[in-house]
N, C-alpha and C. Protein backbone atom coordinates (compact mmCIF):
# COMPACT_ATOMS: atom_id res chain seq x y z
N MET A 1 0.80 -1.22 0.15
CA MET A 1 -0.02 -0.02 -0.09
C MET A 1 0.88 1.26 0.02
N ALA A 2 1.89 1.18 0.89
CA ALA A 2 2.78 2.28 0.88
C ALA A 2 3.38 2.63 -0.51
N GLN A 3 3.53 1.60 -1.27
CA GLN A 3 4.00 1.70 -2.62
C GLN A 3 3.32 2.60 -3.49
N PHE A 4 2.08 2.51 -3.48
CA PHE A 4 1.01 3.10 -4.30
C PHE A 4 0.82 4.68 -4.00
N ARG A 5 1.09 4.79 -2.64
CA ARG A 5 1.00 6.18 -2.08
C ARG A 5 2.28 6.97 -2.56
N ASP A 6 3.30 6.39 -2.54
CA ASP A 6 4.53 6.91 -2.91
C ASP A 6 4.68 7.18 -4.41
N ALA A 7 3.98 6.34 -5.17
CA ALA A 7 3.95 6.66 -6.62
C ALA A 7 2.99 7.69 -6.91
N ALA A 8 1.89 7.78 -6.27
CA ALA A 8 0.89 9.08 -6.30
C ALA A 8 1.76 10.31 -5.88
N GLN A 9 2.33 10.25 -4.93
CA GLN A 9 3.00 11.58 -4.37
C GLN A 9 3.97 12.04 -5.50
N GLN A 10 4.60 10.94 -6.02
CA GLN A 10 5.80 11.26 -6.99
C GLN A 10 5.19 11.84 -8.28
N ARG A 11 4.08 11.34 -8.63
CA ARG A 11 3.41 11.92 -9.96
C ARG A 11 2.81 13.44 -9.60
N GLN A 12 2.31 13.66 -8.39
CA GLN A 12 1.75 14.78 -7.99
C GLN A 12 2.94 15.92 -8.15
N THR A 13 4.16 15.49 -7.45
CA THR A 13 5.30 16.29 -7.53
C THR A 13 5.84 16.73 -8.97
N GLU A 14 5.76 15.59 -9.89
CA GLU A 14 6.21 15.86 -11.16
C GLU A 14 5.26 16.85 -12.00
N THR A 15 3.88 16.61 -11.85
CA THR A 15 2.97 17.41 -12.56
C THR A 15 2.82 18.77 -12.00
N GLY A 16 3.19 18.85 -10.74
CA GLY A 16 3.00 20.16 -10.03
C GLY A 16 1.82 20.08 -9.21
N THR A 17 1.36 21.16 -8.46
CA THR A 17 0.25 21.14 -7.77
C THR A 17 -0.79 22.14 -8.22
N GLU A 18 -1.92 22.36 -7.61
CA GLU A 18 -2.94 23.12 -8.06
C GLU A 18 -2.62 24.64 -8.09
N THR A 19 -1.70 24.89 -7.11
CA THR A 19 -1.11 26.48 -6.97
C THR A 19 -0.30 26.97 -8.03
N ASP A 20 0.26 25.88 -8.70
CA ASP A 20 1.31 26.10 -9.99
C ASP A 20 0.40 26.58 -11.24
N GLN A 21 -0.98 26.14 -11.07
CA GLN A 21 -1.74 26.36 -12.28
C GLN A 21 -2.21 27.94 -12.35
N GLU A 22 -2.82 28.04 -13.46
CA GLU A 22 -3.38 29.50 -13.62
C GLU A 22 -4.64 29.49 -12.82
N PRO A 23 -4.85 30.60 -12.00
CA PRO A 23 -6.11 30.67 -11.34
C PRO A 23 -7.35 30.79 -12.14
N LEU A 24 -8.45 30.35 -11.58
CA LEU A 24 -9.86 30.30 -12.37
C LEU A 24 -10.25 31.73 -12.87
N GLY A 25 -9.92 32.65 -12.15
CA GLY A 25 -10.45 34.07 -12.47
C GLY A 25 -9.66 34.70 -13.58
N ALA A 26 -8.42 34.00 -13.99
CA ALA A 26 -7.55 34.79 -15.05
C ALA A 26 -7.76 34.20 -16.34
N ALA A 27 -9.01 34.66 -16.89
CA ALA A 27 -9.42 34.13 -18.21
C ALA A 27 -8.74 35.06 -19.34
N ARG A 28 -8.62 34.48 -20.53
CA ARG A 28 -8.16 35.36 -21.63
C ARG A 28 -9.24 36.66 -21.98
N PRO A 29 -8.82 37.65 -22.31
CA PRO A 29 -9.76 38.69 -22.68
C PRO A 29 -10.52 38.11 -23.98
N VAL A 30 -11.88 38.41 -23.89
CA VAL A 30 -12.80 38.14 -25.11
C VAL A 30 -12.79 39.07 -26.21
N ASP A 31 -12.55 38.59 -27.39
CA ASP A 31 -12.35 39.15 -28.67
C ASP A 31 -13.97 39.75 -28.91
N GLN A 32 -14.28 41.05 -28.72
CA GLN A 32 -15.64 41.46 -28.89
C GLN A 32 -16.08 41.18 -30.47
N GLN A 33 -15.37 41.66 -31.14
CA GLN A 33 -15.52 41.38 -32.72
C GLN A 33 -15.99 40.08 -33.01
N LEU A 34 -15.22 39.04 -32.50
CA LEU A 34 -15.40 37.83 -32.88
C LEU A 34 -16.81 37.32 -32.19
N VAL A 35 -17.01 37.68 -31.01
CA VAL A 35 -18.36 37.61 -30.49
C VAL A 35 -19.61 38.13 -31.23
N SER A 36 -19.45 39.41 -31.77
CA SER A 36 -20.32 39.98 -32.52
C SER A 36 -20.66 39.34 -33.80
N GLU A 37 -19.57 38.83 -34.46
CA GLU A 37 -19.75 38.22 -35.77
C GLU A 37 -20.53 36.80 -35.57
N SER A 38 -20.22 36.01 -34.53
CA SER A 38 -20.65 34.82 -34.19
C SER A 38 -22.38 34.99 -33.87
N ASP A 39 -22.56 35.92 -33.09
CA ASP A 39 -23.79 36.45 -32.91
C ASP A 39 -24.70 36.72 -34.08
N ASP A 40 -24.22 37.49 -34.98
CA ASP A 40 -24.69 37.73 -36.18
C ASP A 40 -25.15 36.55 -37.06
N ILE A 41 -24.26 35.57 -37.08
CA ILE A 41 -24.25 34.32 -38.02
C ILE A 41 -25.38 33.61 -37.34
N LEU A 42 -25.47 33.40 -35.90
CA LEU A 42 -26.40 32.69 -35.17
C LEU A 42 -27.79 33.36 -35.56
N ASP A 43 -28.01 34.65 -35.60
CA ASP A 43 -29.25 35.37 -35.71
C ASP A 43 -29.81 35.28 -37.10
N GLU A 44 -28.72 35.04 -38.20
CA GLU A 44 -29.19 34.91 -39.56
C GLU A 44 -29.63 33.40 -39.66
N ILE A 45 -28.97 32.41 -39.01
CA ILE A 45 -29.48 31.17 -39.05
C ILE A 45 -31.05 30.97 -38.46
N ASP A 46 -31.01 31.61 -37.19
CA ASP A 46 -32.37 31.59 -36.44
C ASP A 46 -33.49 32.30 -37.59
N SER A 47 -33.20 33.23 -38.29
CA SER A 47 -34.19 34.01 -39.05
C SER A 47 -34.48 33.04 -40.30
N VAL A 48 -33.54 32.36 -40.86
CA VAL A 48 -33.74 31.39 -42.05
C VAL A 48 -34.66 30.43 -41.42
N LEU A 49 -34.43 29.74 -40.37
CA LEU A 49 -35.10 28.46 -39.82
C LEU A 49 -36.62 29.02 -39.68
N GLU A 50 -36.68 30.16 -39.04
CA GLU A 50 -38.05 30.62 -38.83
C GLU A 50 -38.89 30.94 -40.09
N GLU A 51 -38.15 31.38 -41.25
CA GLU A 51 -39.09 31.55 -42.34
C GLU A 51 -39.13 30.19 -43.09
N ASN A 52 -38.31 29.39 -43.04
CA ASN A 52 -38.57 28.10 -43.80
C ASN A 52 -38.48 26.67 -43.00
N ALA A 53 -39.10 26.98 -41.86
CA ALA A 53 -38.93 25.83 -40.78
C ALA A 53 -39.79 24.62 -41.26
N GLU A 54 -41.04 24.94 -41.87
CA GLU A 54 -41.91 23.98 -42.49
C GLU A 54 -41.25 23.14 -43.51
N ASP A 55 -40.54 23.80 -44.43
CA ASP A 55 -39.97 23.27 -45.61
C ASP A 55 -38.81 22.47 -45.08
N TYR A 56 -38.06 22.96 -44.09
CA TYR A 56 -37.00 22.19 -43.46
C TYR A 56 -37.36 20.88 -42.82
N VAL A 57 -38.47 20.80 -42.10
CA VAL A 57 -39.01 19.74 -41.41
C VAL A 57 -39.58 18.86 -42.52
N ARG A 58 -40.22 19.22 -43.59
CA ARG A 58 -40.60 18.26 -44.57
C ARG A 58 -39.58 17.44 -45.20
N GLY A 59 -38.36 18.03 -45.24
CA GLY A 59 -37.35 17.23 -45.77
C GLY A 59 -36.82 15.98 -44.98
N PHE A 60 -37.23 15.98 -43.83
CA PHE A 60 -37.09 14.91 -42.79
C PHE A 60 -38.30 13.80 -42.67
N VAL A 61 -39.42 14.25 -43.19
CA VAL A 61 -40.49 13.63 -43.05
C VAL A 61 -40.62 12.35 -44.31
N GLN A 62 -40.82 11.18 -43.62
CA GLN A 62 -40.76 9.94 -44.59
C GLN A 62 -42.14 9.99 -45.33
N LYS A 63 -41.87 9.68 -46.72
CA LYS A 63 -43.11 9.80 -47.62
C LYS A 63 -43.47 8.29 -47.88
N GLY A 64 -44.78 7.90 -47.90
CA GLY A 64 -45.12 6.72 -48.26
C GLY A 64 -45.19 5.78 -46.94
N GLY A 65 -45.08 6.42 -45.71
CA GLY A 65 -45.17 5.44 -44.44
C GLY A 65 -43.62 4.72 -44.48
N GLN A 66 -42.70 5.24 -45.09
CA GLN A 66 -41.39 4.39 -44.86
C GLN A 66 -40.69 4.94 -43.97
């Protein structure tokens, strides 16, 4: 049993501890232009689906009971 604990401690020492890692609050800054472009694309997809939802669903309906 002591053998397994020693191996676990060895791995923890090799990989570092949680304090060596970047804190959770230190996130990268958000690229607002990228966020805006992504929102625009999603809005366009939503509007197309709102207009053509019935046609979109018909493409998946089985014909002839198959």
